[in-house]
Amino acid sequence: MGRRQEGFRWIGVEQEENPKWNPNWIVFADKDDDPIVVVTNRENTPVLASYETSELFPIADSFSDFLDSLSATLLIVHENFEGEIMDG
């Protein structure tokens, strides 16, 4: 059982499988405990996310697109904001 799946695919003290969780969804990261998920059974492996316990929604058409966007974001943060994304 992957730790990132806890609270999403596996829930409760007994870590039982969540019947609402698609077994083809894999949480590979999170932002403030909100999941970022890849869909492993779809072409191009789309990426979904959820905020504040909302339903999952698409954020990238493919895992490759997600990584390209993440790379561009990190480069902007590094070059323009000296690694800081928050003011203050």
N, C-alpha and C. Protein backbone atom coordinates (compact mmCIF):
# COMPACT_ATOMS: atom_id res chain seq x y z
N MET A 1 0.85 -1.18 0.00
CA MET A 1 0.00 0.00 0.00
C MET A 1 0.89 1.24 0.00
N GLY A 2 0.72 2.11 -0.98
CA GLY A 2 1.50 3.33 -1.06
C GLY A 2 0.98 4.38 -0.10
N ARG A 3 1.89 5.05 0.56
CA ARG A 3 1.50 6.06 1.55
C ARG A 3 0.67 7.19 0.94
N ARG A 4 0.99 7.58 -0.27
CA ARG A 4 0.24 8.67 -0.91
C ARG A 4 -1.23 8.30 -1.12
N GLN A 5 -1.55 7.01 -1.14
CA GLN A 5 -2.93 6.58 -1.37
C GLN A 5 -3.78 6.67 -0.10
N GLU A 6 -3.12 6.78 1.08
CA GLU A 6 -3.84 6.81 2.35
C GLU A 6 -4.74 8.04 2.40
N GLY A 7 -5.98 7.82 2.80
CA GLY A 7 -6.96 8.89 2.88
C GLY A 7 -7.72 9.10 1.58
N PHE A 8 -7.28 8.46 0.54
CA PHE A 8 -7.94 8.58 -0.76
C PHE A 8 -8.41 7.19 -1.20
N ARG A 9 -7.47 6.34 -1.58
CA ARG A 9 -7.86 4.98 -1.97
C ARG A 9 -8.14 4.14 -0.73
N TRP A 10 -7.33 4.28 0.29
CA TRP A 10 -7.52 3.54 1.53
C TRP A 10 -7.90 4.53 2.62
N ILE A 11 -8.98 4.22 3.33
CA ILE A 11 -9.51 5.16 4.31
C ILE A 11 -9.74 4.49 5.66
N GLY A 12 -9.85 5.32 6.68
CA GLY A 12 -10.16 4.83 8.01
C GLY A 12 -8.98 4.21 8.72
N VAL A 13 -9.19 3.89 9.98
CA VAL A 13 -8.15 3.29 10.81
C VAL A 13 -7.71 1.96 10.25
N GLU A 14 -8.66 1.20 9.72
CA GLU A 14 -8.36 -0.12 9.18
C GLU A 14 -7.79 -0.06 7.76
N GLN A 15 -7.72 1.16 7.18
CA GLN A 15 -7.21 1.35 5.83
C GLN A 15 -7.94 0.46 4.82
N GLU A 16 -9.26 0.52 4.86
CA GLU A 16 -10.08 -0.23 3.92
C GLU A 16 -10.17 0.53 2.59
N GLU A 17 -10.36 -0.22 1.52
CA GLU A 17 -10.43 0.41 0.21
C GLU A 17 -11.70 1.26 0.09
N ASN A 18 -11.54 2.49 -0.37
CA ASN A 18 -12.64 3.41 -0.57
C ASN A 18 -13.42 2.96 -1.80
N PRO A 19 -14.71 2.62 -1.66
CA PRO A 19 -15.48 2.12 -2.81
C PRO A 19 -15.68 3.19 -3.89
N LYS A 20 -15.49 4.45 -3.57
CA LYS A 20 -15.65 5.53 -4.55
C LYS A 20 -14.37 5.82 -5.32
N TRP A 21 -13.26 5.20 -4.90
CA TRP A 21 -11.96 5.48 -5.52
C TRP A 21 -11.72 4.54 -6.68
N ASN A 22 -11.38 5.08 -7.82
CA ASN A 22 -11.07 4.29 -9.01
C ASN A 22 -9.68 3.67 -8.82
N PRO A 23 -9.53 2.37 -8.92
CA PRO A 23 -8.22 1.74 -8.72
C PRO A 23 -7.18 2.15 -9.77
N ASN A 24 -7.62 2.79 -10.85
CA ASN A 24 -6.69 3.28 -11.87
C ASN A 24 -6.17 4.68 -11.58
N TRP A 25 -6.61 5.27 -10.47
CA TRP A 25 -6.11 6.58 -10.05
C TRP A 25 -4.98 6.36 -9.05
N ILE A 26 -3.85 6.99 -9.30
CA ILE A 26 -2.72 6.89 -8.37
C ILE A 26 -2.32 8.29 -7.93
N VAL A 27 -2.38 8.52 -6.63
CA VAL A 27 -1.92 9.78 -6.07
C VAL A 27 -0.39 9.74 -6.08
N PHE A 28 0.23 10.63 -6.84
CA PHE A 28 1.68 10.64 -6.92
C PHE A 28 2.28 11.85 -6.22
N ALA A 29 1.43 12.80 -5.84
CA ALA A 29 1.90 14.00 -5.13
C ALA A 29 0.70 14.65 -4.46
N ASP A 30 0.99 15.61 -3.61
CA ASP A 30 -0.09 16.40 -3.03
C ASP A 30 0.40 17.82 -2.80
N LYS A 31 -0.55 18.72 -2.71
CA LYS A 31 -0.29 20.12 -2.39
C LYS A 31 -1.18 20.45 -1.22
N ASP A 32 -0.57 20.67 -0.06
CA ASP A 32 -1.33 20.95 1.17
C ASP A 32 -2.36 19.86 1.45
N ASP A 33 -1.97 18.62 1.29
CA ASP A 33 -2.80 17.44 1.51
C ASP A 33 -3.93 17.27 0.49
N ASP A 34 -3.91 18.03 -0.59
CA ASP A 34 -4.85 17.84 -1.69
C ASP A 34 -4.17 16.99 -2.76
N PRO A 35 -4.84 15.95 -3.27
CA PRO A 35 -4.17 14.99 -4.16
C PRO A 35 -3.94 15.51 -5.58
N ILE A 36 -2.82 15.06 -6.15
CA ILE A 36 -2.55 15.18 -7.57
C ILE A 36 -2.44 13.74 -8.07
N VAL A 37 -3.27 13.40 -9.05
CA VAL A 37 -3.52 12.02 -9.42
C VAL A 37 -3.23 11.78 -10.90
N VAL A 38 -2.63 10.64 -11.22
CA VAL A 38 -2.52 10.21 -12.62
C VAL A 38 -3.56 9.13 -12.85
N VAL A 39 -4.11 9.12 -14.06
CA VAL A 39 -5.10 8.11 -14.46
C VAL A 39 -4.36 7.10 -15.33
N THR A 40 -4.10 5.93 -14.78
CA THR A 40 -3.19 4.98 -15.42
C THR A 40 -3.81 4.17 -16.56
N ASN A 41 -5.12 4.16 -16.66
CA ASN A 41 -5.74 3.33 -17.70
C ASN A 41 -6.23 4.14 -18.90
N ARG A 42 -5.84 5.40 -18.98
CA ARG A 42 -6.23 6.23 -20.12
C ARG A 42 -5.02 6.64 -20.92
N GLU A 43 -5.20 6.74 -22.21
CA GLU A 43 -4.10 7.14 -23.09
C GLU A 43 -3.51 8.46 -22.64
N ASN A 44 -2.21 8.57 -22.68
CA ASN A 44 -1.42 9.74 -22.30
C ASN A 44 -1.37 10.00 -20.79
N THR A 45 -2.03 9.19 -20.00
CA THR A 45 -2.01 9.30 -18.54
C THR A 45 -2.35 10.72 -18.09
N PRO A 46 -3.62 11.12 -18.21
CA PRO A 46 -4.02 12.45 -17.77
C PRO A 46 -3.79 12.66 -16.27
N VAL A 47 -3.75 13.92 -15.88
CA VAL A 47 -3.50 14.28 -14.48
C VAL A 47 -4.72 15.05 -13.96
N LEU A 48 -5.15 14.67 -12.75
CA LEU A 48 -6.29 15.28 -12.09
C LEU A 48 -5.82 15.87 -10.75
N ALA A 49 -6.61 16.77 -10.20
CA ALA A 49 -6.31 17.32 -8.88
C ALA A 49 -7.62 17.61 -8.16
N SER A 50 -7.50 17.84 -6.88
CA SER A 50 -8.64 18.20 -6.05
C SER A 50 -8.17 19.24 -5.04
N TYR A 51 -9.03 20.18 -4.71
CA TYR A 51 -8.72 21.18 -3.69
C TYR A 51 -9.83 21.22 -2.66
N GLU A 52 -9.42 21.25 -1.40
CA GLU A 52 -10.39 21.38 -0.30
C GLU A 52 -11.51 20.36 -0.41
N THR A 53 -11.17 19.11 -0.64
CA THR A 53 -12.09 17.98 -0.73
C THR A 53 -13.09 18.07 -1.89
N SER A 54 -12.78 18.88 -2.92
CA SER A 54 -13.65 18.94 -4.09
C SER A 54 -13.48 17.67 -4.91
N GLU A 55 -14.33 17.49 -5.90
CA GLU A 55 -14.19 16.38 -6.83
C GLU A 55 -12.90 16.57 -7.62
N LEU A 56 -12.31 15.47 -8.07
CA LEU A 56 -11.14 15.56 -8.93
C LEU A 56 -11.50 16.24 -10.24
N PHE A 57 -10.60 17.06 -10.75
CA PHE A 57 -10.83 17.73 -12.02
C PHE A 57 -9.53 17.70 -12.82
N PRO A 58 -9.62 17.75 -14.16
CA PRO A 58 -8.42 17.64 -14.99
C PRO A 58 -7.54 18.89 -14.89
N ILE A 59 -6.22 18.67 -14.79
CA ILE A 59 -5.27 19.78 -14.82
C ILE A 59 -4.26 19.64 -15.95
N ALA A 60 -4.16 18.45 -16.54
CA ALA A 60 -3.27 18.25 -17.69
C ALA A 60 -3.78 17.07 -18.50
N ASP A 61 -3.70 17.20 -19.81
CA ASP A 61 -4.16 16.14 -20.70
C ASP A 61 -3.27 14.91 -20.66
N SER A 62 -2.02 15.10 -20.22
CA SER A 62 -1.08 13.98 -20.13
C SER A 62 -0.08 14.24 -19.01
N PHE A 63 0.56 13.17 -18.54
CA PHE A 63 1.58 13.31 -17.52
C PHE A 63 2.76 14.11 -18.08
N SER A 64 3.05 13.92 -19.36
CA SER A 64 4.11 14.67 -20.01
C SER A 64 3.81 16.17 -20.01
N ASP A 65 2.56 16.55 -20.34
CA ASP A 65 2.17 17.96 -20.30
C ASP A 65 2.28 18.51 -18.89
N PHE A 66 1.89 17.72 -17.90
CA PHE A 66 1.99 18.15 -16.50
C PHE A 66 3.45 18.45 -16.15
N LEU A 67 4.35 17.55 -16.52
CA LEU A 67 5.77 17.75 -16.19
C LEU A 67 6.34 18.96 -16.92
N ASP A 68 5.92 19.17 -18.17
CA ASP A 68 6.36 20.36 -18.91
C ASP A 68 5.91 21.63 -18.20
N SER A 69 4.66 21.66 -17.75
CA SER A 69 4.13 22.83 -17.06
C SER A 69 4.82 23.05 -15.71
N LEU A 70 5.05 21.96 -15.00
CA LEU A 70 5.74 22.06 -13.72
C LEU A 70 7.16 22.59 -13.92
N SER A 71 7.84 22.11 -14.92
CA SER A 71 9.19 22.56 -15.22
C SER A 71 9.21 24.05 -15.54
N ALA A 72 8.26 24.50 -16.38
CA ALA A 72 8.18 25.92 -16.73
C ALA A 72 7.89 26.78 -15.50
N THR A 73 7.00 26.30 -14.65
CA THR A 73 6.68 27.04 -13.43
C THR A 73 7.89 27.16 -12.51
N LEU A 74 8.60 26.06 -12.32
CA LEU A 74 9.78 26.08 -11.45
C LEU A 74 10.85 27.01 -12.01
N LEU A 75 11.02 27.03 -13.32
CA LEU A 75 11.99 27.91 -13.94
C LEU A 75 11.62 29.38 -13.71
N ILE A 76 10.35 29.72 -13.87
CA ILE A 76 9.89 31.09 -13.62
C ILE A 76 10.13 31.48 -12.17
N VAL A 77 9.76 30.60 -11.26
CA VAL A 77 9.95 30.88 -9.83
C VAL A 77 11.43 31.09 -9.52
N HIS A 78 12.28 30.26 -10.10
CA HIS A 78 13.72 30.36 -9.86
C HIS A 78 14.30 31.65 -10.45
N GLU A 79 13.98 31.92 -11.72
CA GLU A 79 14.59 33.05 -12.41
C GLU A 79 14.00 34.40 -12.02
N ASN A 80 12.70 34.47 -11.81
CA ASN A 80 12.05 35.76 -11.57
C ASN A 80 11.81 36.07 -10.10
N PHE A 81 11.76 35.05 -9.26
CA PHE A 81 11.40 35.29 -7.87
C PHE A 81 12.40 34.69 -6.89
N GLU A 82 13.58 34.35 -7.38
CA GLU A 82 14.66 33.81 -6.55
C GLU A 82 14.19 32.63 -5.69
N GLY A 83 13.33 31.81 -6.26
CA GLY A 83 12.85 30.61 -5.57
C GLY A 83 11.69 30.84 -4.62
N GLU A 84 11.27 32.09 -4.46
CA GLU A 84 10.15 32.38 -3.54
C GLU A 84 8.89 32.68 -4.36
N ILE A 85 7.79 31.99 -4.04
CA ILE A 85 6.56 32.24 -4.79
C ILE A 85 5.57 33.08 -4.01
N MET A 86 5.93 33.42 -2.77
CA MET A 86 5.04 34.23 -1.94
C MET A 86 5.75 35.52 -1.56
N ASP A 87 5.02 36.60 -1.53
CA ASP A 87 5.58 37.88 -1.13
C ASP A 87 5.65 37.95 0.39
N GLY A 88 6.75 38.43 0.88
CA GLY A 88 6.81 38.68 2.32
C GLY A 88 7.73 37.82 3.02
